PDB file of N, CA and C in Angstrom:
ATOM      1  N   MET A   1       0.300  -0.300   0.251  1.00  0.00           N
ATOM      2  CA  MET A   1      -0.411  -1.424  -0.317  1.00  0.00           C
ATOM      3  C   MET A   1      -1.474  -0.932  -1.295  1.00  0.00           C
ATOM      4  N   TYR A   2      -2.047   0.221  -0.986  1.00  0.00           N
ATOM      5  CA  TYR A   2      -3.074   0.809  -1.846  1.00  0.00           C
ATOM      6  C   TYR A   2      -2.532   1.023  -3.262  1.00  0.00           C
ATOM      7  N   PHE A   3      -1.364   1.648  -3.360  1.00  0.00           N
ATOM      8  CA  PHE A   3      -0.789   1.925  -4.673  1.00  0.00           C
ATOM      9  C   PHE A   3      -0.337   0.638  -5.364  1.00  0.00           C
ATOM     10  N   SER A   4       0.234  -0.281  -4.615  1.00  0.00           N
ATOM     11  CA  SER A   4       0.653  -1.562  -5.197  1.00  0.00           C
ATOM     12  C   SER A   4      -0.544  -2.323  -5.756  1.00  0.00           C
ATOM     13  N   GLN A   5      -1.627  -2.335  -4.999  1.00  0.00           N
ATOM     14  CA  GLN A   5      -2.839  -3.026  -5.458  1.00  0.00           C
ATOM     15  C   GLN A   5      -3.384  -2.368  -6.728  1.00  0.00           C
ATOM     16  N   GLY A   6      -3.433  -1.039  -6.728  1.00  0.00           N
ATOM     17  CA  GLY A   6      -3.963  -0.327  -7.888  1.00  0.00           C
ATOM     18  C   GLY A   6      -3.153  -0.552  -9.150  1.00  0.00           C
ATOM     19  N   VAL A   7      -1.836  -0.475  -9.023  1.00  0.00           N
ATOM     20  CA  VAL A   7      -0.970  -0.683 -10.186  1.00  0.00           C
ATOM     21  C   VAL A   7      -1.064  -2.131 -10.660  1.00  0.00           C
ATOM     22  N   HIS A   8      -1.082  -3.068  -9.730  1.00  0.00           N
ATOM     23  CA  HIS A   8      -1.180  -4.482 -10.110  1.00  0.00           C
ATOM     24  C   HIS A   8      -2.498  -4.754 -10.839  1.00  0.00           C
ATOM     25  N   LEU A   9      -3.579  -4.189 -10.348  1.00  0.00           N
ATOM     26  CA  LEU A   9      -4.874  -4.354 -11.022  1.00  0.00           C
ATOM     27  C   LEU A   9      -4.841  -3.753 -12.427  1.00  0.00           C
ATOM     28  N   ALA A  10      -4.231  -2.581 -12.556  1.00  0.00           N
ATOM     29  CA  ALA A  10      -4.176  -1.916 -13.858  1.00  0.00           C
ATOM     30  C   ALA A  10      -3.324  -2.694 -14.861  1.00  0.00           C
ATOM     31  N   LEU A  11      -2.217  -3.253 -14.402  1.00  0.00           N
ATOM     32  CA  LEU A  11      -1.309  -3.958 -15.304  1.00  0.00           C
ATOM     33  C   LEU A  11      -1.738  -5.385 -15.628  1.00  0.00           C
ATOM     34  N   PHE A  12      -2.277  -6.081 -14.630  1.00  0.00           N
ATOM     35  CA  PHE A  12      -2.519  -7.519 -14.789  1.00  0.00           C
ATOM     36  C   PHE A  12      -3.988  -7.929 -14.660  1.00  0.00           C
ATOM     37  N   ASP A  13      -4.854  -6.964 -14.403  1.00  0.00           N
ATOM     38  CA  ASP A  13      -6.292  -7.207 -14.282  1.00  0.00           C
ATOM     39  C   ASP A  13      -6.626  -8.244 -13.212  1.00  0.00           C
ATOM     40  N   LYS A  14      -5.802  -8.290 -12.170  1.00  0.00           N
ATOM     41  CA  LYS A  14      -6.091  -9.145 -11.018  1.00  0.00           C
ATOM     42  C   LYS A  14      -5.421  -8.533  -9.793  1.00  0.00           C
ATOM     43  N   PRO A  15      -5.991  -8.781  -8.623  1.00  0.00           N
ATOM     44  CA  PRO A  15      -5.444  -8.165  -7.410  1.00  0.00           C
ATOM     45  C   PRO A  15      -4.110  -8.781  -6.987  1.00  0.00           C
ATOM     46  N   LEU A  16      -3.300  -7.979  -6.339  1.00  0.00           N
ATOM     47  CA  LEU A  16      -2.034  -8.439  -5.768  1.00  0.00           C
ATOM     48  C   LEU A  16      -2.282  -9.239  -4.500  1.00  0.00           C
ATOM     49  N   PHE A  17      -3.314  -8.847  -3.752  1.00  0.00           N
ATOM     50  CA  PHE A  17      -3.680  -9.542  -2.516  1.00  0.00           C
ATOM     51  C   PHE A  17      -5.194  -9.546  -2.397  1.00  0.00           C
ATOM     52  N   LYS A  18      -5.732 -10.452  -1.587  1.00  0.00           N
ATOM     53  CA  LYS A  18      -7.181 -10.661  -1.533  1.00  0.00           C
ATOM     54  C   LYS A  18      -7.913  -9.757  -0.543  1.00  0.00           C
ATOM     55  N   GLU A  19      -7.217  -9.224   0.442  1.00  0.00           N
ATOM     56  CA  GLU A  19      -7.880  -8.412   1.467  1.00  0.00           C
ATOM     57  C   GLU A  19      -8.467  -7.142   0.861  1.00  0.00           C
ATOM     58  N   ASP A  20      -9.591  -6.715   1.415  1.00  0.00           N
ATOM     59  CA  ASP A  20     -10.217  -5.471   0.978  1.00  0.00           C
ATOM     60  C   ASP A  20      -9.412  -4.278   1.468  1.00  0.00           C
ATOM     61  N   ILE A  21      -9.479  -3.200   0.705  1.00  0.00           N
ATOM     62  CA  ILE A  21      -8.913  -1.926   1.127  1.00  0.00           C
ATOM     63  C   ILE A  21     -10.094  -1.040   1.490  1.00  0.00           C
ATOM     64  N   GLU A  22     -10.083  -0.539   2.713  1.00  0.00           N
ATOM     65  CA  GLU A  22     -11.177   0.289   3.203  1.00  0.00           C
ATOM     66  C   GLU A  22     -10.795   1.762   3.137  1.00  0.00           C
ATOM     67  N   ALA A  23     -11.771   2.608   2.835  1.00  0.00           N
ATOM     68  CA  ALA A  23     -11.549   4.051   2.761  1.00  0.00           C
ATOM     69  C   ALA A  23     -11.805   4.671   4.129  1.00  0.00           C
ATOM     70  N   TRP A  24     -10.754   4.853   4.902  1.00  0.00           N
ATOM     71  CA  TRP A  24     -10.851   5.486   6.215  1.00  0.00           C
ATOM     72  C   TRP A  24     -10.569   6.973   6.076  1.00  0.00           C
ATOM     73  N   GLN A  25     -10.898   7.717   7.095  1.00  0.00           N
ATOM     74  CA  GLN A  25     -10.745   9.169   7.063  1.00  0.00           C
ATOM     75  C   GLN A  25      -9.325   9.597   6.684  1.00  0.00           C
ATOM     76  N   ASN A  26      -8.324   8.925   7.211  1.00  0.00           N
ATOM     77  CA  ASN A  26      -6.940   9.316   6.944  1.00  0.00           C
ATOM     78  C   ASN A  26      -6.283   8.525   5.825  1.00  0.00           C
ATOM     79  N   GLY A  27      -7.079   7.833   5.036  1.00  0.00           N
ATOM     80  CA  GLY A  27      -6.524   7.127   3.894  1.00  0.00           C
ATOM     81  C   GLY A  27      -6.944   5.678   3.830  1.00  0.00           C
ATOM     82  N   PRO A  28      -6.455   4.978   2.822  1.00  0.00           N
ATOM     83  CA  PRO A  28      -6.818   3.579   2.630  1.00  0.00           C
ATOM     84  C   PRO A  28      -6.196   2.679   3.691  1.00  0.00           C
ATOM     85  N   VAL A  29      -6.961   1.671   4.112  1.00  0.00           N
ATOM     86  CA  VAL A  29      -6.506   0.763   5.172  1.00  0.00           C
ATOM     87  C   VAL A  29      -6.822  -0.679   4.792  1.00  0.00           C
ATOM     88  N   VAL A  30      -5.828  -1.539   4.958  1.00  0.00           N
ATOM     89  CA  VAL A  30      -6.030  -2.986   4.919  1.00  0.00           C
ATOM     90  C   VAL A  30      -6.089  -3.397   6.384  1.00  0.00           C
ATOM     91  N   ARG A  31      -7.261  -3.804   6.845  1.00  0.00           N
ATOM     92  CA  ARG A  31      -7.480  -4.048   8.276  1.00  0.00           C
ATOM     93  C   ARG A  31      -6.438  -4.959   8.922  1.00  0.00           C
ATOM     94  N   HIS A  32      -6.092  -6.038   8.243  1.00  0.00           N
ATOM     95  CA  HIS A  32      -5.112  -6.975   8.797  1.00  0.00           C
ATOM     96  C   HIS A  32      -3.768  -6.275   9.031  1.00  0.00           C
ATOM     97  N   LEU A  33      -3.352  -5.453   8.080  1.00  0.00           N
ATOM     98  CA  LEU A  33      -2.083  -4.735   8.238  1.00  0.00           C
ATOM     99  C   LEU A  33      -2.184  -3.644   9.289  1.00  0.00           C
ATOM    100  N   ARG A  34      -3.342  -3.043   9.397  1.00  0.00           N
ATOM    101  CA  ARG A  34      -3.554  -2.021  10.435  1.00  0.00           C
ATOM    102  C   ARG A  34      -3.363  -2.642  11.811  1.00  0.00           C
ATOM    103  N   SER A  35      -3.824  -3.882  11.983  1.00  0.00           N
ATOM    104  CA  SER A  35      -3.667  -4.541  13.284  1.00  0.00           C
ATOM    105  C   SER A  35      -2.197  -4.831  13.589  1.00  0.00           C
ATOM    106  N   ILE A  36      -1.382  -5.001  12.565  1.00  0.00           N
ATOM    107  CA  ILE A  36       0.043  -5.269  12.751  1.00  0.00           C
ATOM    108  C   ILE A  36       0.845  -3.975  12.902  1.00  0.00           C
ATOM    109  N   PHE A  37       0.581  -3.005  12.037  1.00  0.00           N
ATOM    110  CA  PHE A  37       1.396  -1.797  11.981  1.00  0.00           C
ATOM    111  C   PHE A  37       0.727  -0.562  12.572  1.00  0.00           C
ATOM    112  N   GLY A  38      -0.449  -0.699  13.148  1.00  0.00           N
ATOM    113  CA  GLY A  38      -1.189   0.445  13.668  1.00  0.00           C
ATOM    114  C   GLY A  38      -0.446   1.263  14.698  1.00  0.00           C
ATOM    115  N   SER A  39       0.444   0.651  15.434  1.00  0.00           N
ATOM    116  CA  SER A  39       1.176   1.386  16.472  1.00  0.00           C
ATOM    117  C   SER A  39       2.137   2.417  15.884  1.00  0.00           C
ATOM    118  N   PHE A  40       2.423   2.326  14.597  1.00  0.00           N
ATOM    119  CA  PHE A  40       3.326   3.292  13.975  1.00  0.00           C
ATOM    120  C   PHE A  40       2.633   4.632  13.725  1.00  0.00           C
ATOM    121  N   GLU A  41       1.292   4.631  13.746  1.00  0.00           N
ATOM    122  CA  GLU A  41       0.506   5.843  13.476  1.00  0.00           C
ATOM    123  C   GLU A  41       0.991   6.492  12.181  1.00  0.00           C
ATOM    124  N   ALA A  42       1.451   7.747  12.247  1.00  0.00           N
ATOM    125  CA  ALA A  42       1.904   8.457  11.046  1.00  0.00           C
ATOM    126  C   ALA A  42       3.408   8.316  10.829  1.00  0.00           C
ATOM    127  N   ASN A  43       4.070   7.492  11.620  1.00  0.00           N
ATOM    128  CA  ASN A  43       5.512   7.292  11.474  1.00  0.00           C
ATOM    129  C   ASN A  43       5.801   6.239  10.412  1.00  0.00           C
ATOM    130  N   ALA A  44       7.029   6.239   9.930  1.00  0.00           N
ATOM    131  CA  ALA A  44       7.429   5.271   8.904  1.00  0.00           C
ATOM    132  C   ALA A  44       7.382   3.853   9.460  1.00  0.00           C
ATOM    133  N   ILE A  45       6.924   2.935   8.640  1.00  0.00           N
ATOM    134  CA  ILE A  45       6.931   1.521   9.023  1.00  0.00           C
ATOM    135  C   ILE A  45       8.135   0.853   8.363  1.00  0.00           C
ATOM    136  N   PRO A  46       8.492  -0.343   8.788  1.00  0.00           N
ATOM    137  CA  PRO A  46       9.655  -1.012   8.196  1.00  0.00           C
ATOM    138  C   PRO A  46       9.524  -1.140   6.681  1.00  0.00           C
ATOM    139  N   GLY A  47      10.641  -1.015   6.005  1.00  0.00           N
ATOM    140  CA  GLY A  47      10.659  -1.131   4.553  1.00  0.00           C
ATOM    141  C   GLY A  47      10.451  -2.559   4.097  1.00  0.00           C
ATOM    142  N   PRO A  48      10.327  -2.743   2.791  1.00  0.00           N
ATOM    143  CA  PRO A  48      10.029  -4.071   2.259  1.00  0.00           C
ATOM    144  C   PRO A  48      11.091  -5.117   2.552  1.00  0.00           C
ATOM    145  N   GLY A  49      12.304  -4.705   2.893  1.00  0.00           N
ATOM    146  CA  GLY A  49      13.350  -5.667   3.201  1.00  0.00           C
ATOM    147  C   GLY A  49      13.047  -6.505   4.425  1.00  0.00           C
ATOM    148  N   GLU A  50      12.122  -6.057   5.255  1.00  0.00           N
ATOM    149  CA  GLU A  50      11.788  -6.761   6.486  1.00  0.00           C
ATOM    150  C   GLU A  50      10.496  -7.568   6.375  1.00  0.00           C
ATOM    151  N   ILE A  51       9.988  -7.717   5.182  1.00  0.00           N
ATOM    152  CA  ILE A  51       8.731  -8.427   4.950  1.00  0.00           C
ATOM    153  C   ILE A  51       9.026  -9.723   4.196  1.00  0.00           C
ATOM    154  N   ASP A  52       8.319 -10.785   4.533  1.00  0.00           N
ATOM    155  CA  ASP A  52       8.499 -12.076   3.859  1.00  0.00           C
ATOM    156  C   ASP A  52       7.830 -12.035   2.486  1.00  0.00           C
ATOM    157  N   PHE A  53       8.623 -12.072   1.458  1.00  0.00           N
ATOM    158  CA  PHE A  53       8.112 -11.992   0.093  1.00  0.00           C
ATOM    159  C   PHE A  53       7.985 -13.353  -0.582  1.00  0.00           C
ATOM    160  N   SER A  54       8.128 -14.424   0.165  1.00  0.00           N
ATOM    161  CA  SER A  54       8.135 -15.759  -0.441  1.00  0.00           C
ATOM    162  C   SER A  54       6.815 -16.125  -1.123  1.00  0.00           C
ATOM    163  N   ILE A  55       5.730 -15.461  -0.771  1.00  0.00           N
ATOM    164  CA  ILE A  55       4.434 -15.778  -1.379  1.00  0.00           C
ATOM    165  C   ILE A  55       4.219 -15.057  -2.714  1.00  0.00           C
ATOM    166  N   TYR A  56       5.133 -14.155  -3.071  1.00  0.00           N
ATOM    167  CA  TYR A  56       4.971 -13.365  -4.289  1.00  0.00           C
ATOM    168  C   TYR A  56       5.871 -13.876  -5.409  1.00  0.00           C
ATOM    169  N   THR A  57       5.423 -13.681  -6.634  1.00  0.00           N
ATOM    170  CA  THR A  57       6.251 -14.003  -7.794  1.00  0.00           C
ATOM    171  C   THR A  57       7.331 -12.932  -7.940  1.00  0.00           C
ATOM    172  N   ASN A  58       8.332 -13.210  -8.746  1.00  0.00           N
ATOM    173  CA  ASN A  58       9.378 -12.212  -8.998  1.00  0.00           C
ATOM    174  C   ASN A  58       8.787 -10.941  -9.600  1.00  0.00           C
ATOM    175  N   GLN A  59       7.815 -11.101 -10.476  1.00  0.00           N
ATOM    176  CA  GLN A  59       7.148  -9.963 -11.101  1.00  0.00           C
ATOM    177  C   GLN A  59       6.426  -9.113 -10.047  1.00  0.00           C
ATOM    178  N   GLN A  60       5.748  -9.758  -9.120  1.00  0.00           N
ATOM    179  CA  GLN A  60       5.048  -9.039  -8.060  1.00  0.00           C
ATOM    180  C   GLN A  60       6.035  -8.344  -7.126  1.00  0.00           C
ATOM    181  N   LYS A  61       7.132  -9.012  -6.796  1.00  0.00           N
ATOM    182  CA  LYS A  61       8.147  -8.401  -5.934  1.00  0.00           C
ATOM    183  C   LYS A  61       8.737  -7.156  -6.588  1.00  0.00           C
ATOM    184  N   GLU A  62       9.006  -7.243  -7.867  1.00  0.00           N
ATOM    185  CA  GLU A  62       9.550  -6.093  -8.593  1.00  0.00           C
ATOM    186  C   GLU A  62       8.570  -4.923  -8.558  1.00  0.00           C
ATOM    187  N   LEU A  63       7.302  -5.206  -8.755  1.00  0.00           N
ATOM    188  CA  LEU A  63       6.284  -4.165  -8.708  1.00  0.00           C
ATOM    189  C   LEU A  63       6.238  -3.516  -7.326  1.00  0.00           C
ATOM    190  N   ILE A  64       6.241  -4.320  -6.275  1.00  0.00           N
ATOM    191  CA  ILE A  64       6.187  -3.792  -4.908  1.00  0.00           C
ATOM    192  C   ILE A  64       7.401  -2.910  -4.636  1.00  0.00           C
ATOM    193  N   TYR A  65       8.581  -3.348  -5.033  1.00  0.00           N
ATOM    194  CA  TYR A  65       9.792  -2.541  -4.831  1.00  0.00           C
ATOM    195  C   TYR A  65       9.724  -1.223  -5.597  1.00  0.00           C
ATOM    196  N   LYS A  66       9.200  -1.252  -6.814  1.00  0.00           N
ATOM    197  CA  LYS A  66       9.071  -0.018  -7.598  1.00  0.00           C
ATOM    198  C   LYS A  66       8.108   0.954  -6.925  1.00  0.00           C
ATOM    199  N   ILE A  67       6.988   0.446  -6.449  1.00  0.00           N
ATOM    200  CA  ILE A  67       6.020   1.307  -5.769  1.00  0.00           C
ATOM    201  C   ILE A  67       6.634   1.860  -4.490  1.00  0.00           C
ATOM    202  N   TYR A  68       7.301   1.007  -3.727  1.00  0.00           N
ATOM    203  CA  TYR A  68       7.943   1.461  -2.490  1.00  0.00           C
ATOM    204  C   TYR A  68       9.004   2.516  -2.789  1.00  0.00           C
ATOM    205  N   SER A  69       9.771   2.323  -3.855  1.00  0.00           N
ATOM    206  CA  SER A  69      10.794   3.301  -4.229  1.00  0.00           C
ATOM    207  C   SER A  69      10.174   4.638  -4.610  1.00  0.00           C
ATOM    208  N   SER A  70       9.001   4.597  -5.215  1.00  0.00           N
ATOM    209  CA  SER A  70       8.322   5.822  -5.637  1.00  0.00           C
ATOM    210  C   SER A  70       7.631   6.552  -4.495  1.00  0.00           C
ATOM    211  N   TYR A  71       7.056   5.806  -3.562  1.00  0.00           N
ATOM    212  CA  TYR A  71       6.222   6.416  -2.529  1.00  0.00           C
ATOM    213  C   TYR A  71       6.767   6.280  -1.109  1.00  0.00           C
ATOM    214  N   GLY A  72       7.749   5.425  -0.902  1.00  0.00           N
ATOM    215  CA  GLY A  72       8.214   5.104   0.445  1.00  0.00           C
ATOM    216  C   GLY A  72       8.833   6.243   1.224  1.00  0.00           C
ATOM    217  N   GLU A  73       9.346   7.246   0.547  1.00  0.00           N
ATOM    218  CA  GLU A  73       9.996   8.366   1.236  1.00  0.00           C
ATOM    219  C   GLU A  73       9.026   9.488   1.606  1.00  0.00           C
ATOM    220  N   HIS A  74       7.791   9.390   1.159  1.00  0.00           N
ATOM    221  CA  HIS A  74       6.825  10.456   1.425  1.00  0.00           C
ATOM    222  C   HIS A  74       6.243  10.341   2.833  1.00  0.00           C
ATOM    223  N   THR A  75       5.799  11.466   3.348  1.00  0.00           N
ATOM    224  CA  THR A  75       5.189  11.487   4.678  1.00  0.00           C
ATOM    225  C   THR A  75       3.783  10.905   4.626  1.00  0.00           C
ATOM    226  N   ALA A  76       3.289  10.536   5.787  1.00  0.00           N
ATOM    227  CA  ALA A  76       1.924  10.011   5.884  1.00  0.00           C
ATOM    228  C   ALA A  76       0.919  11.048   5.400  1.00  0.00           C
ATOM    229  N   SER A  77       1.131  12.311   5.738  1.00  0.00           N
ATOM    230  CA  SER A  77       0.176  13.344   5.324  1.00  0.00           C
ATOM    231  C   SER A  77       0.198  13.544   3.806  1.00  0.00           C
ATOM    232  N   TYR A  78       1.362  13.461   3.189  1.00  0.00           N
ATOM    233  CA  TYR A  78       1.445  13.569   1.734  1.00  0.00           C
ATOM    234  C   TYR A  78       0.688  12.415   1.073  1.00  0.00           C
ATOM    235  N   LEU A  79       0.927  11.205   1.563  1.00  0.00           N
ATOM    236  CA  LEU A  79       0.253  10.035   0.992  1.00  0.00           C
ATOM    237  C   LEU A  79      -1.251  10.098   1.212  1.00  0.00           C
ATOM    238  N   ARG A  80      -1.673  10.556   2.380  1.00  0.00           N
ATOM    239  CA  ARG A  80      -3.105  10.725   2.638  1.00  0.00           C
ATOM    240  C   ARG A  80      -3.704  11.690   1.631  1.00  0.00           C
ATOM    241  N   ASP A  81      -3.054  12.844   1.452  1.00  0.00           N
ATOM    242  CA  ASP A  81      -3.566  13.836   0.508  1.00  0.00           C
ATOM    243  C   ASP A  81      -3.607  13.282  -0.914  1.00  0.00           C
ATOM    244  N   LEU A  82      -2.604  12.514  -1.285  1.00  0.00           N
ATOM    245  CA  LEU A  82      -2.557  11.921  -2.618  1.00  0.00           C
ATOM    246  C   LEU A  82      -3.697  10.919  -2.819  1.00  0.00           C
ATOM    247  N   THR A  83      -3.930  10.069  -1.844  1.00  0.00           N
ATOM    248  CA  THR A  83      -5.016   9.095  -1.980  1.00  0.00           C
ATOM    249  C   THR A  83      -6.378   9.777  -1.970  1.00  0.00           C
ATOM    250  N   HIS A  84      -6.480  10.898  -1.267  1.00  0.00           N
ATOM    251  CA  HIS A  84      -7.762  11.592  -1.195  1.00  0.00           C
ATOM    252  C   HIS A  84      -8.126  12.311  -2.495  1.00  0.00           C
ATOM    253  N   LEU A  85      -7.226  12.336  -3.453  1.00  0.00           N
ATOM    254  CA  LEU A  85      -7.557  12.868  -4.775  1.00  0.00           C
ATOM    255  C   LEU A  85      -8.439  11.896  -5.551  1.00  0.00           C
ATOM    256  N   HIS A  86      -8.437  10.631  -5.158  1.00  0.00           N
ATOM    257  CA  HIS A  86      -9.226   9.611  -5.848  1.00  0.00           C
ATOM    258  C   HIS A  86     -10.708   9.759  -5.503  1.00  0.00           C
ATOM    259  N   SER A  87     -11.550   9.353  -6.405  1.00  0.00           N
ATOM    260  CA  SER A  87     -12.992   9.621  -6.325  1.00  0.00           C
ATOM    261  C   SER A  87     -13.673   9.081  -5.078  1.00  0.00           C
ATOM    262  N   ILE A  88     -13.156   8.033  -4.474  1.00  0.00           N
ATOM    263  CA  ILE A  88     -13.834   7.457  -3.312  1.00  0.00           C
ATOM    264  C   ILE A  88     -13.911   8.446  -2.139  1.00  0.00           C
ATOM    265  N   TRP A  89     -12.984   9.405  -2.094  1.00  0.00           N
ATOM    266  CA  TRP A  89     -12.987  10.391  -1.010  1.00  0.00           C
ATOM    267  C   TRP A  89     -13.643  11.708  -1.420  1.00  0.00           C
ATOM    268  N   GLN A  90     -14.135  11.788  -2.636  1.00  0.00           N
ATOM    269  CA  GLN A  90     -14.752  13.043  -3.106  1.00  0.00           C
ATOM    270  C   GLN A  90     -16.190  13.156  -2.659  1.00  0.00           C
TER     271      GLN A  90
END
């Protein structure tokens, strides 16, 4: 969600979703999603095919799929390290 939000903000100058992203020790967290998917810990969570996309426009869905295709195969530790390159963790 972190990467999807960032790309959406960069392309359209508005957020993809309204929830805040918090900078936690192991990476960015959307609290509401953490409460749903927290039991997965560092394991893979279900792919976008299992999420209700009816609230998103076709353009937003395409963006989410592109981000998932780019980052979805990476490990939690790789993604953590990648997000920690951003200034908020420096």
